[in-house]
Amino acid sequence: MKRFLVHQCVQLVVVCLGISIITFLLLHLKGDPVTLLLPLDAGKEEMASFRRQMGFDQPLYVQYVRFLLGAIQGDFGVSLYMKKSAFALVLERMPATLLLTFAGLFMSLVLAIPLGIISARRPYALLDNLCTTLAVGGQAMPIFWLGIMLIILFSVRLHWLPASGFGTWSHLVLPATTLGFFLAPLTMRLVRSGMLEVLSQDYVRTARAKGVSEWLVICHHALVNAALPLVTVAGLQFGLLLGGAIITETVFAVPGVGRLIVGAIRQLDFPIVQAGVFLLALIVVLVNFAVDILYIYLNPQIRVR
């Protein structure tokens, strides 16, 4: 157990270093970052002064070490347009992004688990075929298109829910549904395959032979064992939801990190882009690390090994 935890911690540190390198290289992918950050009509003296001010005149490895030390301390520089700490601006928008991500994950589970159980109870029946069709259609739909369709239906035509903004639960329904419907098909298919395997086991047939109610057999005996892979998938989906939240926040005008990063990319405000990408990637790594630790306690076979 201790060896596994040490191995996971070492992997966590290595991945974080890789994230820091990729984030740092964002400024250098297109050549001299000074030409990107200054106006086109900037003179040579202004460019040289700005290069010294930002430290771009130093060797690349020196710039990276300085960036890494600053990232550890939460210092990614000052926004070029807002003139505030880039990390503080990202942290200010992070609660909205995390709330939307957790709401989307919850929505995907609420949609996927019942549909997966229904499909597994009567495989290849009419309901199973309808759920499978829904799953294929859900994975084929682009997030931005689904979000726009939901806005047209529930906001423009029915006037049930707000089309944009953030602040109340009603503002969260449409973007969370968009994210949840995008990831529900994968979870539904996983639940269906797991339930089909578990329902054919001897202990399930024994429970039914003893007269245990079908609801108890499904929820207590079958679903608990079939849901173990969902823990790992939920961690992976959390990262996908954070990435999908960038598009969803833009469509629904949610004041989150994704919308902030998109605006910063348009304005070439790289301190905000670096801070946002680094923090989002770090959250994904930490969530997957927590999932690995949680899976050890949920699956006794891994503890024994």
C-alpha atoms as a PDB file:
ATOM      1  CA  MET A   1       0.000   0.000   0.000  1.00  0.00           C
ATOM      2  CA  LYS A   2       2.742   2.460   0.956  1.00  0.00           C
ATOM      3  CA  ARG A   3       4.699   1.584  -2.166  1.00  0.00           C
ATOM      4  CA  PHE A   4       1.634   2.265  -4.300  1.00  0.00           C
ATOM      5  CA  LEU A   5       1.032   5.638  -2.633  1.00  0.00           C
ATOM      6  CA  VAL A   6       4.681   6.644  -3.086  1.00  0.00           C
ATOM      7  CA  HIS A   7       4.533   5.588  -6.744  1.00  0.00           C
ATOM      8  CA  GLN A   8       1.364   7.624  -7.295  1.00  0.00           C
ATOM      9  CA  CYS A   9       2.885  10.684  -5.591  1.00  0.00           C
ATOM     10  CA  VAL A  10       5.991  10.458  -7.793  1.00  0.00           C
ATOM     11  CA  GLN A  11       3.764  10.228 -10.870  1.00  0.00           C
ATOM     12  CA  LEU A  12       1.815  13.245  -9.626  1.00  0.00           C
ATOM     13  CA  VAL A  13       4.989  15.327  -9.333  1.00  0.00           C
ATOM     14  CA  VAL A  14       6.208  14.249 -12.793  1.00  0.00           C
ATOM     15  CA  VAL A  15       2.866  15.089 -14.405  1.00  0.00           C
ATOM     16  CA  CYS A  16       2.785  18.496 -12.691  1.00  0.00           C
ATOM     17  CA  LEU A  17       6.274  19.238 -14.023  1.00  0.00           C
ATOM     18  CA  GLY A  18       5.114  18.234 -17.500  1.00  0.00           C
ATOM     19  CA  ILE A  19       2.132  20.553 -17.171  1.00  0.00           C
ATOM     20  CA  SER A  20       4.401  23.417 -16.124  1.00  0.00           C
ATOM     21  CA  ILE A  21       6.653  22.857 -19.153  1.00  0.00           C
ATOM     22  CA  ILE A  22       3.722  22.805 -21.606  1.00  0.00           C
ATOM     23  CA  THR A  23       2.177  25.878 -19.991  1.00  0.00           C
ATOM     24  CA  PHE A  24       5.482  27.722 -20.109  1.00  0.00           C
ATOM     25  CA  LEU A  25       6.030  26.880 -23.778  1.00  0.00           C
ATOM     26  CA  LEU A  26       2.677  28.424 -24.746  1.00  0.00           C
ATOM     27  CA  LEU A  27       4.412  31.764 -25.085  1.00  0.00           C
ATOM     28  CA  HIS A  28       7.231  30.395 -27.222  1.00  0.00           C
ATOM     29  CA  LEU A  29       5.338  28.192 -29.686  1.00  0.00           C
ATOM     30  CA  LYS A  30       4.980  30.976 -32.254  1.00  0.00           C
ATOM     31  CA  GLY A  31       8.419  32.482 -31.921  1.00  0.00           C
ATOM     32  CA  ASP A  32       9.383  35.623 -30.033  1.00  0.00           C
ATOM     33  CA  PRO A  33       6.637  36.324 -27.460  1.00  0.00           C
ATOM     34  CA  VAL A  34       7.458  40.047 -27.512  1.00  0.00           C
ATOM     35  CA  THR A  35       6.114  40.357 -31.062  1.00  0.00           C
ATOM     36  CA  LEU A  36       2.855  38.777 -29.859  1.00  0.00           C
ATOM     37  CA  LEU A  37       2.427  40.873 -26.747  1.00  0.00           C
ATOM     38  CA  LEU A  38       3.294  44.297 -28.198  1.00  0.00           C
ATOM     39  CA  PRO A  39       1.476  46.206 -30.947  1.00  0.00           C
ATOM     40  CA  LEU A  40       2.675  45.820 -34.517  1.00  0.00           C
ATOM     41  CA  ASP A  41       3.903  49.428 -34.647  1.00  0.00           C
ATOM     42  CA  ALA A  42       6.145  49.052 -31.561  1.00  0.00           C
ATOM     43  CA  GLY A  43       9.699  50.322 -32.063  1.00  0.00           C
ATOM     44  CA  LYS A  44      12.924  48.453 -31.395  1.00  0.00           C
ATOM     45  CA  GLU A  45      13.662  50.384 -28.208  1.00  0.00           C
ATOM     46  CA  GLU A  46      10.191  49.662 -26.862  1.00  0.00           C
ATOM     47  CA  MET A  47      10.568  45.974 -27.721  1.00  0.00           C
ATOM     48  CA  ALA A  48      13.991  45.798 -26.041  1.00  0.00           C
ATOM     49  CA  SER A  49      12.675  47.520 -22.909  1.00  0.00           C
ATOM     50  CA  PHE A  50       9.684  45.221 -22.735  1.00  0.00           C
ATOM     51  CA  ARG A  51      11.929  42.180 -23.260  1.00  0.00           C
ATOM     52  CA  ARG A  52      14.113  43.199 -20.297  1.00  0.00           C
ATOM     53  CA  GLN A  53      11.059  43.989 -18.185  1.00  0.00           C
ATOM     54  CA  MET A  54       9.481  40.575 -18.810  1.00  0.00           C
ATOM     55  CA  GLY A  55      12.800  38.708 -18.558  1.00  0.00           C
ATOM     56  CA  PHE A  56      12.660  37.412 -22.136  1.00  0.00           C
ATOM     57  CA  ASP A  57      16.303  38.447 -22.659  1.00  0.00           C
ATOM     58  CA  GLN A  58      17.442  35.649 -20.336  1.00  0.00           C
ATOM     59  CA  PRO A  59      18.141  32.044 -21.419  1.00  0.00           C
ATOM     60  CA  LEU A  60      15.101  29.841 -21.835  1.00  0.00           C
ATOM     61  CA  TYR A  61      15.949  27.530 -18.939  1.00  0.00           C
ATOM     62  CA  VAL A  62      16.353  30.524 -16.623  1.00  0.00           C
ATOM     63  CA  GLN A  63      12.937  31.800 -17.694  1.00  0.00           C
ATOM     64  CA  TYR A  64      11.424  28.362 -17.031  1.00  0.00           C
ATOM     65  CA  VAL A  65      12.913  28.089 -13.533  1.00  0.00           C
ATOM     66  CA  ARG A  66      11.596  31.557 -12.746  1.00  0.00           C
ATOM     67  CA  PHE A  67       8.186  30.617 -14.130  1.00  0.00           C
ATOM     68  CA  LEU A  68       8.144  27.353 -12.125  1.00  0.00           C
ATOM     69  CA  LEU A  69       9.050  29.099  -8.884  1.00  0.00           C
ATOM     70  CA  GLY A  70       6.368  31.687  -9.540  1.00  0.00           C
ATOM     71  CA  ALA A  71       3.780  29.010 -10.363  1.00  0.00           C
ATOM     72  CA  ILE A  72       4.484  27.228  -7.075  1.00  0.00           C
ATOM     73  CA  GLN A  73       3.806  30.509  -5.284  1.00  0.00           C
ATOM     74  CA  GLY A  74       0.744  31.298  -7.412  1.00  0.00           C
ATOM     75  CA  ASP A  75       2.508  34.089  -9.296  1.00  0.00           C
ATOM     76  CA  PHE A  76       1.874  33.971 -13.049  1.00  0.00           C
ATOM     77  CA  GLY A  77       2.404  37.658 -13.631  1.00  0.00           C
ATOM     78  CA  VAL A  78      -0.023  40.501 -14.195  1.00  0.00           C
ATOM     79  CA  SER A  79      -2.775  40.534 -16.801  1.00  0.00           C
ATOM     80  CA  LEU A  80      -1.705  42.692 -19.735  1.00  0.00           C
ATOM     81  CA  TYR A  81      -5.165  44.212 -20.116  1.00  0.00           C
ATOM     82  CA  MET A  82      -6.811  44.053 -16.669  1.00  0.00           C
ATOM     83  CA  LYS A  83      -3.598  45.040 -14.823  1.00  0.00           C
ATOM     84  CA  LYS A  84      -4.354  42.573 -12.018  1.00  0.00           C
ATOM     85  CA  SER A  85      -2.769  39.340 -10.834  1.00  0.00           C
ATOM     86  CA  ALA A  86      -3.513  36.662 -13.441  1.00  0.00           C
ATOM     87  CA  PHE A  87      -3.787  33.947 -10.803  1.00  0.00           C
ATOM     88  CA  ALA A  88      -6.204  36.027  -8.721  1.00  0.00           C
ATOM     89  CA  LEU A  89      -8.417  36.603 -11.761  1.00  0.00           C
ATOM     90  CA  VAL A  90      -8.490  32.864 -12.501  1.00  0.00           C
ATOM     91  CA  LEU A  91      -9.294  31.984  -8.883  1.00  0.00           C
ATOM     92  CA  GLU A  92     -12.112  34.527  -8.945  1.00  0.00           C
ATOM     93  CA  ARG A  93     -13.738  32.672 -11.850  1.00  0.00           C
ATOM     94  CA  MET A  94     -12.942  29.131 -10.659  1.00  0.00           C
ATOM     95  CA  PRO A  95     -16.027  28.592  -8.388  1.00  0.00           C
ATOM     96  CA  ALA A  96     -18.402  29.051 -11.345  1.00  0.00           C
ATOM     97  CA  THR A  97     -16.436  26.565 -13.460  1.00  0.00           C
ATOM     98  CA  LEU A  98     -16.231  23.958 -10.700  1.00  0.00           C
ATOM     99  CA  LEU A  99     -19.931  24.325  -9.878  1.00  0.00           C
ATOM    100  CA  LEU A 100     -20.841  23.882 -13.538  1.00  0.00           C
ATOM    101  CA  THR A 101     -18.511  20.873 -13.836  1.00  0.00           C
ATOM    102  CA  PHE A 102     -19.916  19.084 -10.789  1.00  0.00           C
ATOM    103  CA  ALA A 103     -23.466  19.874 -11.908  1.00  0.00           C
ATOM    104  CA  GLY A 104     -22.729  18.435 -15.361  1.00  0.00           C
ATOM    105  CA  LEU A 105     -21.171  15.315 -13.823  1.00  0.00           C
ATOM    106  CA  PHE A 106     -24.187  14.880 -11.546  1.00  0.00           C
ATOM    107  CA  MET A 107     -26.544  15.343 -14.495  1.00  0.00           C
ATOM    108  CA  SER A 108     -24.687  12.732 -16.557  1.00  0.00           C
ATOM    109  CA  LEU A 109     -24.940  10.178 -13.730  1.00  0.00           C
ATOM    110  CA  VAL A 110     -28.627  10.931 -13.165  1.00  0.00           C
ATOM    111  CA  LEU A 111     -29.313  10.342 -16.849  1.00  0.00           C
ATOM    112  CA  ALA A 112     -26.948   7.431 -17.436  1.00  0.00           C
ATOM    113  CA  ILE A 113     -27.429   5.113 -14.458  1.00  0.00           C
ATOM    114  CA  PRO A 114     -31.235   4.588 -14.791  1.00  0.00           C
ATOM    115  CA  LEU A 115     -30.982   4.222 -18.571  1.00  0.00           C
ATOM    116  CA  GLY A 116     -28.108   1.742 -18.204  1.00  0.00           C
ATOM    117  CA  ILE A 117     -30.106  -0.342 -15.716  1.00  0.00           C
ATOM    118  CA  ILE A 118     -33.206  -0.316 -17.954  1.00  0.00           C
ATOM    119  CA  SER A 119     -31.128  -1.417 -20.946  1.00  0.00           C
ATOM    120  CA  ALA A 120     -29.438  -4.224 -19.011  1.00  0.00           C
ATOM    121  CA  ARG A 121     -32.652  -5.669 -17.587  1.00  0.00           C
ATOM    122  CA  ARG A 122     -34.101  -6.328 -21.052  1.00  0.00           C
ATOM    123  CA  PRO A 123     -31.188  -6.423 -23.521  1.00  0.00           C
ATOM    124  CA  TYR A 124     -32.008  -5.878 -27.203  1.00  0.00           C
ATOM    125  CA  ALA A 125     -35.614  -5.030 -26.381  1.00  0.00           C
ATOM    126  CA  LEU A 126     -37.341  -1.874 -27.589  1.00  0.00           C
ATOM    127  CA  LEU A 127     -36.233   0.234 -24.606  1.00  0.00           C
ATOM    128  CA  ASP A 128     -32.661  -1.022 -24.935  1.00  0.00           C
ATOM    129  CA  ASN A 129     -32.586  -0.089 -28.619  1.00  0.00           C
ATOM    130  CA  LEU A 130     -33.996   3.363 -27.851  1.00  0.00           C
ATOM    131  CA  CYS A 131     -31.391   3.935 -25.125  1.00  0.00           C
ATOM    132  CA  THR A 132     -28.603   2.779 -27.436  1.00  0.00           C
ATOM    133  CA  THR A 133     -29.823   5.138 -30.154  1.00  0.00           C
ATOM    134  CA  LEU A 134     -29.930   7.955 -27.621  1.00  0.00           C
ATOM    135  CA  ALA A 135     -26.385   7.135 -26.532  1.00  0.00           C
ATOM    136  CA  VAL A 136     -25.027   7.189 -30.080  1.00  0.00           C
ATOM    137  CA  GLY A 137     -26.874  10.428 -30.852  1.00  0.00           C
ATOM    138  CA  GLY A 138     -25.649  12.049 -27.632  1.00  0.00           C
ATOM    139  CA  GLN A 139     -22.002  11.294 -28.379  1.00  0.00           C
ATOM    140  CA  ALA A 140     -22.379  12.548 -31.945  1.00  0.00           C
ATOM    141  CA  MET A 141     -23.818  15.944 -30.946  1.00  0.00           C
ATOM    142  CA  PRO A 142     -21.308  18.802 -30.612  1.00  0.00           C
ATOM    143  CA  ILE A 143     -21.579  20.583 -27.263  1.00  0.00           C
ATOM    144  CA  PHE A 144     -22.025  24.044 -28.775  1.00  0.00           C
ATOM    145  CA  TRP A 145     -24.829  22.864 -31.099  1.00  0.00           C
ATOM    146  CA  LEU A 146     -26.709  21.161 -28.279  1.00  0.00           C
ATOM    147  CA  GLY A 147     -26.358  24.252 -26.099  1.00  0.00           C
ATOM    148  CA  ILE A 148     -27.718  26.512 -28.822  1.00  0.00           C
ATOM    149  CA  MET A 149     -30.663  24.165 -29.441  1.00  0.00           C
ATOM    150  CA  LEU A 150     -31.515  24.143 -25.723  1.00  0.00           C
ATOM    151  CA  ILE A 151     -31.384  27.948 -25.642  1.00  0.00           C
ATOM    152  CA  ILE A 152     -33.720  28.207 -28.637  1.00  0.00           C
ATOM    153  CA  LEU A 153     -36.206  25.728 -27.159  1.00  0.00           C
ATOM    154  CA  PHE A 154     -36.300  26.529 -23.443  1.00  0.00           C
ATOM    155  CA  SER A 155     -35.294  30.206 -23.451  1.00  0.00           C
ATOM    156  CA  VAL A 156     -36.420  31.751 -26.725  1.00  0.00           C
ATOM    157  CA  ARG A 157     -39.602  29.782 -27.429  1.00  0.00           C
ATOM    158  CA  LEU A 158     -40.826  28.498 -24.050  1.00  0.00           C
ATOM    159  CA  HIS A 159     -39.306  31.210 -21.829  1.00  0.00           C
ATOM    160  CA  TRP A 160     -38.777  28.687 -19.027  1.00  0.00           C
ATOM    161  CA  LEU A 161     -35.069  29.207 -18.318  1.00  0.00           C
ATOM    162  CA  PRO A 162     -32.582  32.063 -18.795  1.00  0.00           C
ATOM    163  CA  ALA A 163     -30.396  31.865 -21.869  1.00  0.00           C
ATOM    164  CA  SER A 164     -27.223  33.222 -20.257  1.00  0.00           C
ATOM    165  CA  GLY A 165     -25.702  34.487 -17.059  1.00  0.00           C
ATOM    166  CA  PHE A 166     -24.963  32.918 -13.711  1.00  0.00           C
ATOM    167  CA  GLY A 167     -26.171  33.321 -10.157  1.00  0.00           C
ATOM    168  CA  THR A 168     -29.248  31.159  -9.497  1.00  0.00           C
ATOM    169  CA  TRP A 169     -30.073  27.486  -9.977  1.00  0.00           C
ATOM    170  CA  SER A 170     -32.115  28.313 -13.081  1.00  0.00           C
ATOM    171  CA  HIS A 171     -28.985  29.678 -14.786  1.00  0.00           C
ATOM    172  CA  LEU A 172     -27.270  26.341 -14.133  1.00  0.00           C
ATOM    173  CA  VAL A 173     -29.898  24.031 -15.626  1.00  0.00           C
ATOM    174  CA  LEU A 174     -29.205  24.477 -19.347  1.00  0.00           C
ATOM    175  CA  PRO A 175     -25.370  24.448 -19.262  1.00  0.00           C
ATOM    176  CA  ALA A 176     -25.334  21.504 -16.810  1.00  0.00           C
ATOM    177  CA  THR A 177     -27.786  19.603 -19.020  1.00  0.00           C
ATOM    178  CA  THR A 178     -25.603  20.305 -22.043  1.00  0.00           C
ATOM    179  CA  LEU A 179     -22.520  18.899 -20.343  1.00  0.00           C
ATOM    180  CA  GLY A 180     -24.385  15.997 -18.765  1.00  0.00           C
ATOM    181  CA  PHE A 181     -26.076  14.933 -21.997  1.00  0.00           C
ATOM    182  CA  PHE A 182     -22.701  14.976 -23.747  1.00  0.00           C
ATOM    183  CA  LEU A 183     -21.103  12.526 -21.284  1.00  0.00           C
ATOM    184  CA  ALA A 184     -24.154  10.452 -20.293  1.00  0.00           C
ATOM    185  CA  PRO A 185     -23.909   8.047 -23.287  1.00  0.00           C
ATOM    186  CA  LEU A 186     -20.448   6.788 -22.277  1.00  0.00           C
ATOM    187  CA  THR A 187     -21.548   6.228 -18.677  1.00  0.00           C
ATOM    188  CA  MET A 188     -24.792   4.587 -19.769  1.00  0.00           C
ATOM    189  CA  ARG A 189     -23.012   2.072 -21.979  1.00  0.00           C
ATOM    190  CA  LEU A 190     -20.565   1.306 -19.185  1.00  0.00           C
ATOM    191  CA  VAL A 191     -23.400   0.731 -16.686  1.00  0.00           C
ATOM    192  CA  ARG A 192     -25.239  -1.442 -19.204  1.00  0.00           C
ATOM    193  CA  SER A 193     -22.239  -3.696 -19.913  1.00  0.00           C
ATOM    194  CA  GLY A 194     -21.385  -3.950 -16.214  1.00  0.00           C
ATOM    195  CA  MET A 195     -24.966  -4.795 -15.248  1.00  0.00           C
ATOM    196  CA  LEU A 196     -25.244  -7.430 -17.989  1.00  0.00           C
ATOM    197  CA  GLU A 197     -22.159  -9.142 -16.605  1.00  0.00           C
ATOM    198  CA  VAL A 198     -23.199  -8.906 -12.969  1.00  0.00           C
ATOM    199  CA  LEU A 199     -26.821  -9.992 -13.504  1.00  0.00           C
ATOM    200  CA  SER A 200     -25.578 -13.299 -14.918  1.00  0.00           C
ATOM    201  CA  GLN A 201     -23.541 -14.115 -11.789  1.00  0.00           C
ATOM    202  CA  ASP A 202     -24.497 -16.924  -9.419  1.00  0.00           C
ATOM    203  CA  TYR A 203     -25.002 -14.714  -6.367  1.00  0.00           C
ATOM    204  CA  VAL A 204     -27.609 -12.642  -8.233  1.00  0.00           C
ATOM    205  CA  ARG A 205     -29.521 -15.768  -9.247  1.00  0.00           C
ATOM    206  CA  THR A 206     -29.271 -16.998  -5.655  1.00  0.00           C
ATOM    207  CA  ALA A 207     -30.683 -13.738  -4.316  1.00  0.00           C
ATOM    208  CA  ARG A 208     -33.603 -13.958  -6.720  1.00  0.00           C
ATOM    209  CA  ALA A 209     -34.197 -17.605  -5.790  1.00  0.00           C
ATOM    210  CA  LYS A 210     -34.413 -16.587  -2.124  1.00  0.00           C
ATOM    211  CA  GLY A 211     -37.255 -14.246  -2.957  1.00  0.00           C
ATOM    212  CA  VAL A 212     -35.347 -10.975  -2.643  1.00  0.00           C
ATOM    213  CA  SER A 213     -37.221  -8.156  -4.348  1.00  0.00           C
ATOM    214  CA  GLU A 214     -36.026  -7.197  -7.808  1.00  0.00           C
ATOM    215  CA  TRP A 215     -35.399  -3.611  -6.698  1.00  0.00           C
ATOM    216  CA  LEU A 216     -33.085  -4.807  -3.909  1.00  0.00           C
ATOM    217  CA  VAL A 217     -31.306  -7.215  -6.235  1.00  0.00           C
ATOM    218  CA  ILE A 218     -30.657  -4.434  -8.752  1.00  0.00           C
ATOM    219  CA  CYS A 219     -29.578  -1.738  -6.305  1.00  0.00           C
ATOM    220  CA  HIS A 220     -27.839  -3.700  -3.552  1.00  0.00           C
ATOM    221  CA  HIS A 221     -26.331  -6.734  -5.285  1.00  0.00           C
ATOM    222  CA  ALA A 222     -25.870  -5.811  -8.931  1.00  0.00           C
ATOM    223  CA  LEU A 223     -25.391  -2.058  -9.154  1.00  0.00           C
ATOM    224  CA  VAL A 224     -22.864  -1.844  -6.313  1.00  0.00           C
ATOM    225  CA  ASN A 225     -20.524  -4.277  -8.076  1.00  0.00           C
ATOM    226  CA  ALA A 226     -21.183  -2.960 -11.573  1.00  0.00           C
ATOM    227  CA  ALA A 227     -20.552   0.634 -10.485  1.00  0.00           C
ATOM    228  CA  LEU A 228     -16.897   0.150  -9.474  1.00  0.00           C
ATOM    229  CA  PRO A 229     -15.575   1.124 -12.939  1.00  0.00           C
ATOM    230  CA  LEU A 230     -17.723   4.277 -12.749  1.00  0.00           C
ATOM    231  CA  VAL A 231     -15.337   5.686 -10.149  1.00  0.00           C
ATOM    232  CA  THR A 232     -12.467   5.662 -12.633  1.00  0.00           C
ATOM    233  CA  VAL A 233     -14.653   6.886 -15.480  1.00  0.00           C
ATOM    234  CA  ALA A 234     -16.003   9.710 -13.307  1.00  0.00           C
ATOM    235  CA  GLY A 235     -12.449  10.951 -12.753  1.00  0.00           C
ATOM    236  CA  LEU A 236     -11.758  10.891 -16.479  1.00  0.00           C
ATOM    237  CA  GLN A 237     -15.069  12.563 -17.224  1.00  0.00           C
ATOM    238  CA  PHE A 238     -14.264  15.326 -14.757  1.00  0.00           C
ATOM    239  CA  GLY A 239     -11.346  16.336 -16.964  1.00  0.00           C
ATOM    240  CA  LEU A 240     -13.506  16.162 -20.076  1.00  0.00           C
ATOM    241  CA  LEU A 241     -16.134  18.289 -18.375  1.00  0.00           C
ATOM    242  CA  LEU A 242     -13.575  20.953 -17.474  1.00  0.00           C
ATOM    243  CA  GLY A 243     -12.534  21.063 -21.117  1.00  0.00           C
ATOM    244  CA  GLY A 244     -16.132  21.048 -22.302  1.00  0.00           C
ATOM    245  CA  ALA A 245     -16.987  23.768 -19.817  1.00  0.00           C
ATOM    246  CA  ILE A 246     -14.833  26.179 -21.820  1.00  0.00           C
ATOM    247  CA  ILE A 247     -17.196  25.830 -24.794  1.00  0.00           C
ATOM    248  CA  THR A 248     -20.314  25.722 -22.634  1.00  0.00           C
ATOM    249  CA  GLU A 249     -19.339  28.822 -20.685  1.00  0.00           C
ATOM    250  CA  THR A 250     -18.842  30.685 -23.947  1.00  0.00           C
ATOM    251  CA  VAL A 251     -22.246  29.599 -25.322  1.00  0.00           C
ATOM    252  CA  PHE A 252     -24.161  30.407 -22.122  1.00  0.00           C
ATOM    253  CA  ALA A 253     -22.045  33.437 -21.103  1.00  0.00           C
ATOM    254  CA  VAL A 254     -21.110  31.857 -17.771  1.00  0.00           C
ATOM    255  CA  PRO A 255     -18.425  33.930 -16.003  1.00  0.00           C
ATOM    256  CA  GLY A 256     -16.057  31.002 -15.502  1.00  0.00           C
ATOM    257  CA  VAL A 257     -12.413  30.231 -16.186  1.00  0.00           C
ATOM    258  CA  GLY A 258     -13.150  28.862 -19.657  1.00  0.00           C
ATOM    259  CA  ARG A 259     -14.737  32.078 -20.855  1.00  0.00           C
ATOM    260  CA  LEU A 260     -11.894  34.050 -19.262  1.00  0.00           C
ATOM    261  CA  ILE A 261      -9.295  31.948 -21.110  1.00  0.00           C
ATOM    262  CA  VAL A 262     -11.101  32.323 -24.445  1.00  0.00           C
ATOM    263  CA  GLY A 263     -11.171  36.099 -24.020  1.00  0.00           C
ATOM    264  CA  ALA A 264      -7.510  36.123 -22.981  1.00  0.00           C
ATOM    265  CA  ILE A 265      -6.530  34.133 -26.083  1.00  0.00           C
ATOM    266  CA  ARG A 266      -8.285  36.666 -28.299  1.00  0.00           C
ATOM    267  CA  GLN A 267      -6.449  39.518 -26.558  1.00  0.00           C
ATOM    268  CA  LEU A 268      -3.128  37.626 -26.401  1.00  0.00           C
ATOM    269  CA  ASP A 269      -3.205  38.009 -22.616  1.00  0.00           C
ATOM    270  CA  PHE A 270      -0.842  35.109 -22.002  1.00  0.00           C
ATOM    271  CA  PRO A 271      -0.412  35.451 -18.209  1.00  0.00           C
ATOM    272  CA  ILE A 272      -4.121  34.641 -17.798  1.00  0.00           C
ATOM    273  CA  VAL A 273      -3.911  31.805 -20.338  1.00  0.00           C
ATOM    274  CA  GLN A 274      -0.923  30.302 -18.529  1.00  0.00           C
ATOM    275  CA  ALA A 275      -2.546  30.611 -15.105  1.00  0.00           C
ATOM    276  CA  GLY A 276      -5.866  29.183 -16.295  1.00  0.00           C
ATOM    277  CA  VAL A 277      -4.396  26.239 -18.201  1.00  0.00           C
ATOM    278  CA  PHE A 278      -2.009  25.364 -15.379  1.00  0.00           C
ATOM    279  CA  LEU A 279      -4.704  25.492 -12.685  1.00  0.00           C
ATOM    280  CA  LEU A 280      -7.276  23.508 -14.689  1.00  0.00           C
ATOM    281  CA  ALA A 281      -4.717  20.843 -15.569  1.00  0.00           C
ATOM    282  CA  LEU A 282      -3.571  20.652 -11.946  1.00  0.00           C
ATOM    283  CA  ILE A 283      -7.165  20.143 -10.775  1.00  0.00           C
ATOM    284  CA  VAL A 284      -7.628  17.297 -13.265  1.00  0.00           C
ATOM    285  CA  VAL A 285      -4.423  15.616 -12.081  1.00  0.00           C
ATOM    286  CA  LEU A 286      -5.412  15.927  -8.408  1.00  0.00           C
ATOM    287  CA  VAL A 287      -8.916  14.576  -9.082  1.00  0.00           C
ATOM    288  CA  ASN A 288      -7.521  11.533 -10.895  1.00  0.00           C
ATOM    289  CA  PHE A 289      -5.034  11.012  -8.070  1.00  0.00           C
ATOM    290  CA  ALA A 290      -7.910  11.067  -5.566  1.00  0.00           C
ATOM    291  CA  VAL A 291      -9.856   8.604  -7.742  1.00  0.00           C
ATOM    292  CA  ASP A 292      -6.910   6.186  -7.751  1.00  0.00           C
ATOM    293  CA  ILE A 293      -6.708   6.342  -3.963  1.00  0.00           C
ATOM    294  CA  LEU A 294     -10.483   5.932  -3.605  1.00  0.00           C
ATOM    295  CA  TYR A 295     -10.516   2.941  -5.944  1.00  0.00           C
ATOM    296  CA  ILE A 296      -8.066   1.127  -3.666  1.00  0.00           C
ATOM    297  CA  TYR A 297     -10.554   1.276  -0.804  1.00  0.00           C
ATOM    298  CA  LEU A 298     -13.514   0.346  -3.008  1.00  0.00           C
ATOM    299  CA  ASN A 299     -11.805  -2.635  -4.641  1.00  0.00           C
ATOM    300  CA  PRO A 300     -10.261  -5.080  -2.124  1.00  0.00           C
ATOM    301  CA  GLN A 301      -8.476  -6.999  -4.918  1.00  0.00           C
ATOM    302  CA  ILE A 302      -6.186  -4.046  -5.579  1.00  0.00           C
ATOM    303  CA  ARG A 303      -5.349  -3.759  -1.868  1.00  0.00           C
ATOM    304  CA  VAL A 304      -4.393  -7.425  -1.776  1.00  0.00           C
ATOM    305  CA  ARG A 305      -2.171  -7.112  -4.836  1.00  0.00           C
END
